[in-house]
Amino acid sequence: MPDRPDPADPDGVTPDPLADEREAPVSLNAQLRDAARNAGIGQVAPGEAPTGRALMTAIGGARGIAESVLPGFAFLVVYAITKELVPSVLIPVAVGAVFVVVRLAQRQSLAMSLAGILGVAISAGLALITGKAESNFIPGILINVACLVVLLVTLAIRRPLIGVIVGFLLPPDADGTAQDWRADRAKRRVLTVATWMWVGLFALRLVIEIPLYLTAQVELLAGIKLITGVPLYAALLWVTWLLVRTVFHREDTADDAAAV
């Protein structure tokens, strides 16, 4: 027996109950724009004055800082006291697991916690496989290398990464096209300088960490990683915000004066 059409449908076609949920695929530009807004620099729009609250949000808030710092701090403390590999790498994994459980209990986003515990678990696995405590820092060193290479490539092709991110944050021109910050010499120079500063951050980490890794100075390596981690990242992010604001704030002021 054939199915009856839905009487509520005048055309005799059964409506799709999930039609409202079937949205058109998001464009690549929209995805890149969302990624830029979620990046640390995206917490302050170009031209706006940075705030302490924006900085805390950019580095994950108090819980985000704890999730970033405590596993590494636990490794440093346990290894300094025991000099034993197994507890030194497994206790940080347990600390990361606690953060995941807390977020689950509070029904909060697990993205940051899962990313953190995955990194800690991979580091612990490498250390346990090789039997060397310094192997715990290999993933971090590789991440710094990858970030450094990406930044240098963007500079080599004259598309500095900080400029690319800022470009996605800028409102479109009156005709709907994206603003071309590269056409402005001052903006191009400032965004290039800001990108070079981030190159300096990752290069500094590698210059310090690689010799310590090669000489197996585990405790010093763990301490340096903590210092050059969140604190240095937050400081450089603040300076980047201020640099970007200098050129875009000046433009906004000039536009306001012209309107008057």
Protein backbone atom coordinates (compact mmCIF):
# COMPACT_ATOMS: atom_id res chain seq x y z
CA MET A 1 0.00 0.00 0.00
CA PRO A 2 1.55 3.35 -1.01
CA ASP A 3 2.39 5.88 1.65
CA ARG A 4 -0.11 8.63 2.16
CA PRO A 5 1.09 12.16 1.52
CA ASP A 6 1.24 14.43 4.51
CA PRO A 7 -2.09 16.29 4.60
CA ALA A 8 -0.27 19.37 5.83
CA ASP A 9 1.68 19.48 2.55
CA PRO A 10 -0.48 20.87 -0.30
CA ASP A 11 1.85 19.41 -2.95
CA GLY A 12 1.62 15.92 -1.57
CA VAL A 13 5.32 15.79 -0.79
CA THR A 14 6.38 14.84 2.70
CA PRO A 15 8.53 17.65 4.10
CA ASP A 16 12.04 16.87 5.29
CA PRO A 17 12.03 17.24 9.09
CA LEU A 18 15.79 17.91 8.99
CA ALA A 19 15.63 20.52 6.23
CA ASP A 20 16.43 23.36 8.62
CA GLU A 21 19.56 21.56 9.77
CA ARG A 22 20.85 20.93 6.26
CA GLU A 23 22.79 24.12 5.69
CA ALA A 24 24.96 25.03 2.75
CA PRO A 25 28.64 24.19 3.27
CA VAL A 26 30.64 26.96 4.87
CA SER A 27 33.02 28.67 2.47
CA LEU A 28 36.77 28.43 2.95
CA ASN A 29 36.98 32.17 3.62
CA ALA A 30 34.35 31.89 6.33
CA GLN A 31 36.25 29.03 7.95
CA LEU A 32 39.50 30.99 7.82
CA ARG A 33 37.76 34.03 9.27
CA ASP A 34 36.41 31.98 12.16
CA ALA A 35 39.87 30.53 12.75
CA ALA A 36 41.35 34.04 12.81
CA ARG A 37 38.74 35.20 15.32
CA ASN A 38 39.49 32.23 17.55
CA ALA A 39 43.23 32.87 17.40
CA GLY A 40 44.87 34.83 20.19
CA ILE A 41 45.22 37.99 18.11
CA GLY A 42 41.57 37.71 17.09
CA GLN A 43 40.42 38.59 20.62
CA VAL A 44 41.01 42.27 19.83
CA ALA A 45 39.75 43.80 16.59
CA PRO A 46 42.31 45.88 14.63
CA GLY A 47 42.29 49.42 15.99
CA GLU A 48 40.78 48.52 19.36
CA ALA A 49 42.67 48.98 22.61
CA PRO A 50 43.66 45.64 24.17
CA THR A 51 42.36 44.85 27.63
CA GLY A 52 43.40 42.55 30.41
CA ARG A 53 40.19 40.58 29.97
CA ALA A 54 40.90 40.10 26.26
CA LEU A 55 44.39 38.87 27.12
CA MET A 56 43.05 36.38 29.63
CA THR A 57 40.54 35.14 27.07
CA ALA A 58 43.25 34.80 24.43
CA ILE A 59 45.37 32.57 26.65
CA GLY A 60 42.39 30.50 27.78
CA GLY A 61 41.48 32.22 31.04
CA ALA A 62 42.59 31.04 34.45
CA ARG A 63 41.60 27.44 33.72
CA GLY A 64 43.33 27.51 30.35
CA ILE A 65 46.52 28.74 31.99
CA ALA A 66 46.28 25.98 34.59
CA GLU A 67 45.71 23.35 31.91
CA SER A 68 48.76 24.62 30.00
CA VAL A 69 51.13 25.06 32.93
CA LEU A 70 50.31 22.45 35.59
CA PRO A 71 51.23 19.28 33.64
CA GLY A 72 54.67 20.70 32.83
CA PHE A 73 55.08 21.96 36.37
CA ALA A 74 54.11 18.53 37.73
CA PHE A 75 56.77 16.92 35.53
CA LEU A 76 59.42 19.35 36.78
CA VAL A 77 58.57 18.86 40.45
CA VAL A 78 58.25 15.07 40.32
CA TYR A 79 61.43 14.58 38.29
CA ALA A 80 63.42 16.99 40.48
CA ILE A 81 62.39 15.03 43.58
CA THR A 82 62.47 11.44 42.34
CA LYS A 83 64.65 11.41 39.18
CA GLU A 84 62.32 8.58 38.12
CA LEU A 85 60.98 8.56 34.57
CA VAL A 86 57.69 6.71 34.97
CA PRO A 87 56.04 8.85 37.68
CA SER A 88 57.45 12.01 36.12
CA VAL A 89 55.62 11.46 32.83
CA LEU A 90 52.51 9.67 34.09
CA ILE A 91 51.54 12.17 36.80
CA PRO A 92 51.22 15.02 34.22
CA VAL A 93 48.92 12.73 32.21
CA ALA A 94 46.82 12.22 35.32
CA VAL A 95 46.69 15.99 35.88
CA GLY A 96 45.46 16.47 32.30
CA ALA A 97 42.85 13.75 32.79
CA VAL A 98 41.52 15.56 35.86
CA PHE A 99 40.92 18.70 33.78
CA VAL A 100 39.03 16.64 31.18
CA VAL A 101 36.84 15.07 33.87
CA VAL A 102 36.10 18.46 35.44
CA ARG A 103 35.07 19.91 32.08
CA LEU A 104 32.90 16.88 31.41
CA ALA A 105 31.19 17.27 34.79
CA GLN A 106 30.54 20.95 34.09
CA ARG A 107 29.49 20.25 30.49
CA GLN A 108 32.05 22.63 29.07
CA SER A 109 33.98 22.46 25.80
CA LEU A 110 36.61 19.72 25.87
CA ALA A 111 38.65 20.96 22.90
CA MET A 112 41.41 22.63 24.89
CA SER A 113 41.61 19.93 27.56
CA LEU A 114 41.67 17.09 25.03
CA ALA A 115 44.34 18.83 22.96
CA GLY A 116 46.38 19.34 26.11
CA ILE A 117 46.13 15.79 27.40
CA LEU A 118 46.84 14.41 23.91
CA GLY A 119 50.08 16.38 23.78
CA VAL A 120 51.05 15.30 27.29
CA ALA A 121 50.22 11.67 26.50
CA ILE A 122 52.29 11.67 23.30
CA SER A 123 55.21 13.22 25.16
CA ALA A 124 54.91 10.64 27.93
CA GLY A 125 54.70 7.82 25.42
CA LEU A 126 57.89 8.91 23.67
CA ALA A 127 59.72 9.19 26.98
CA LEU A 128 58.58 5.73 28.07
CA ILE A 129 59.45 4.14 24.71
CA THR A 130 62.94 5.64 24.58
CA GLY A 131 63.56 5.40 28.31
CA LYS A 132 64.86 8.97 28.29
CA ALA A 133 63.20 11.80 30.21
CA GLU A 134 64.37 14.39 27.68
CA SER A 135 62.26 12.68 24.99
CA ASN A 136 59.26 14.15 26.80
CA PHE A 137 60.11 17.46 25.12
CA ILE A 138 60.40 16.24 21.52
CA PRO A 139 56.79 17.09 20.53
CA GLY A 140 57.14 20.63 21.87
CA ILE A 141 60.38 21.14 19.97
CA LEU A 142 58.81 19.84 16.76
CA ILE A 143 55.81 22.14 17.18
CA ASN A 144 58.15 25.11 17.57
CA VAL A 145 60.01 24.06 14.42
CA ALA A 146 56.74 23.79 12.48
CA CYS A 147 55.53 27.20 13.66
CA LEU A 148 58.87 28.78 12.80
CA VAL A 149 58.83 27.29 9.29
CA VAL A 150 55.26 28.45 8.64
CA LEU A 151 56.05 31.99 9.77
CA LEU A 152 59.20 32.16 7.64
CA VAL A 153 57.34 30.86 4.58
CA THR A 154 54.66 33.55 4.95
CA LEU A 155 57.39 36.17 5.17
CA ALA A 156 59.20 34.74 2.14
CA ILE A 157 56.06 34.97 -0.01
CA ARG A 158 55.35 38.47 1.37
CA ARG A 159 52.19 37.39 3.16
CA PRO A 160 53.25 37.75 6.81
CA LEU A 161 51.06 35.54 8.94
CA ILE A 162 50.01 38.28 11.37
CA GLY A 163 48.88 40.35 8.39
CA VAL A 164 46.89 37.42 6.99
CA ILE A 165 45.12 36.94 10.33
CA VAL A 166 44.40 40.66 10.68
CA GLY A 167 43.10 40.73 7.11
CA PHE A 168 40.37 38.25 7.99
CA LEU A 169 39.41 40.37 11.01
CA LEU A 170 39.01 43.61 9.07
CA PRO A 171 35.50 44.70 8.03
CA PRO A 172 34.96 44.75 4.24
CA ASP A 173 35.14 47.95 2.21
CA ALA A 174 32.01 49.82 1.17
CA ASP A 175 31.75 47.74 -2.03
CA GLY A 176 31.91 44.51 -0.03
CA THR A 177 35.46 43.55 -1.01
CA ALA A 178 38.09 42.65 1.55
CA GLN A 179 40.43 45.41 2.70
CA ASP A 180 43.90 45.15 1.20
CA TRP A 181 46.28 45.99 4.05
CA ARG A 182 49.23 45.27 1.74
CA ALA A 183 48.45 48.41 -0.26
CA ASP A 184 49.30 50.54 2.80
CA ARG A 185 53.05 50.74 3.37
CA ALA A 186 52.77 51.51 7.11
CA LYS A 187 50.40 48.61 7.74
CA ARG A 188 52.54 46.24 5.71
CA ARG A 189 55.66 47.23 7.63
CA VAL A 190 54.04 46.91 11.07
CA LEU A 191 52.44 43.54 10.31
CA THR A 192 55.72 42.27 8.90
CA VAL A 193 57.58 43.40 12.03
CA ALA A 194 54.95 41.72 14.22
CA THR A 195 55.39 38.47 12.30
CA TRP A 196 59.18 38.67 12.70
CA MET A 197 58.65 39.07 16.44
CA TRP A 198 56.79 35.74 16.52
CA VAL A 199 59.62 34.23 14.49
CA GLY A 200 61.91 35.45 17.25
CA LEU A 201 59.79 33.76 19.92
CA PHE A 202 59.91 30.32 18.32
CA ALA A 203 63.55 30.72 17.34
CA LEU A 204 64.45 31.69 20.91
CA ARG A 205 62.70 28.61 22.26
CA LEU A 206 64.60 26.37 19.86
CA VAL A 207 67.96 28.02 20.49
CA ILE A 208 67.55 27.40 24.21
CA GLU A 209 65.73 24.07 24.24
CA ILE A 210 67.63 22.08 21.60
CA PRO A 211 71.06 22.31 23.34
CA LEU A 212 69.43 21.42 26.66
CA TYR A 213 67.69 18.47 25.02
CA LEU A 214 70.90 17.24 23.38
CA THR A 215 72.78 17.45 26.69
CA ALA A 216 69.88 15.85 28.63
CA GLN A 217 69.54 18.73 31.10
CA VAL A 218 65.98 17.70 31.89
CA GLU A 219 65.16 19.89 34.88
CA LEU A 220 66.55 23.04 33.28
CA LEU A 221 64.73 22.21 30.06
CA ALA A 222 61.43 21.79 31.91
CA GLY A 223 61.89 25.10 33.72
CA ILE A 224 62.82 27.01 30.56
CA LYS A 225 59.82 25.57 28.75
CA LEU A 226 57.51 26.90 31.46
CA ILE A 227 59.08 30.38 31.32
CA THR A 228 59.03 30.64 27.53
CA GLY A 229 55.54 29.18 27.34
CA VAL A 230 52.45 31.07 28.52
CA PRO A 231 54.25 34.11 30.06
CA LEU A 232 56.28 34.91 26.95
CA TYR A 233 53.37 34.11 24.66
CA ALA A 234 51.07 36.48 26.58
CA ALA A 235 53.66 39.28 26.60
CA LEU A 236 54.27 39.00 22.85
CA LEU A 237 50.56 38.83 22.12
CA TRP A 238 50.05 42.09 24.03
CA VAL A 239 52.86 43.80 22.11
CA THR A 240 51.40 42.53 18.83
CA TRP A 241 48.01 44.01 19.70
CA LEU A 242 49.64 47.36 20.45
CA LEU A 243 51.61 47.35 17.20
CA VAL A 244 48.56 46.50 15.10
CA ARG A 245 46.54 49.17 16.88
CA THR A 246 49.05 51.90 16.00
CA VAL A 247 48.34 51.75 12.26
CA PHE A 248 44.65 50.90 12.31
CA HIS A 249 43.78 53.29 15.13
CA ARG A 250 45.53 56.09 13.25
CA GLU A 251 43.46 55.29 10.16
CA ASP A 252 40.20 55.37 12.13
CA THR A 253 41.14 58.73 13.61
CA ALA A 254 41.89 60.14 10.18
CA ASP A 255 38.55 58.87 8.85
CA ASP A 256 36.68 60.51 11.74
CA ALA A 257 38.46 63.81 11.13
CA ALA A 258 37.62 63.70 7.43
CA ALA A 259 33.97 63.04 8.21
CA VAL A 260 33.85 66.15 10.40
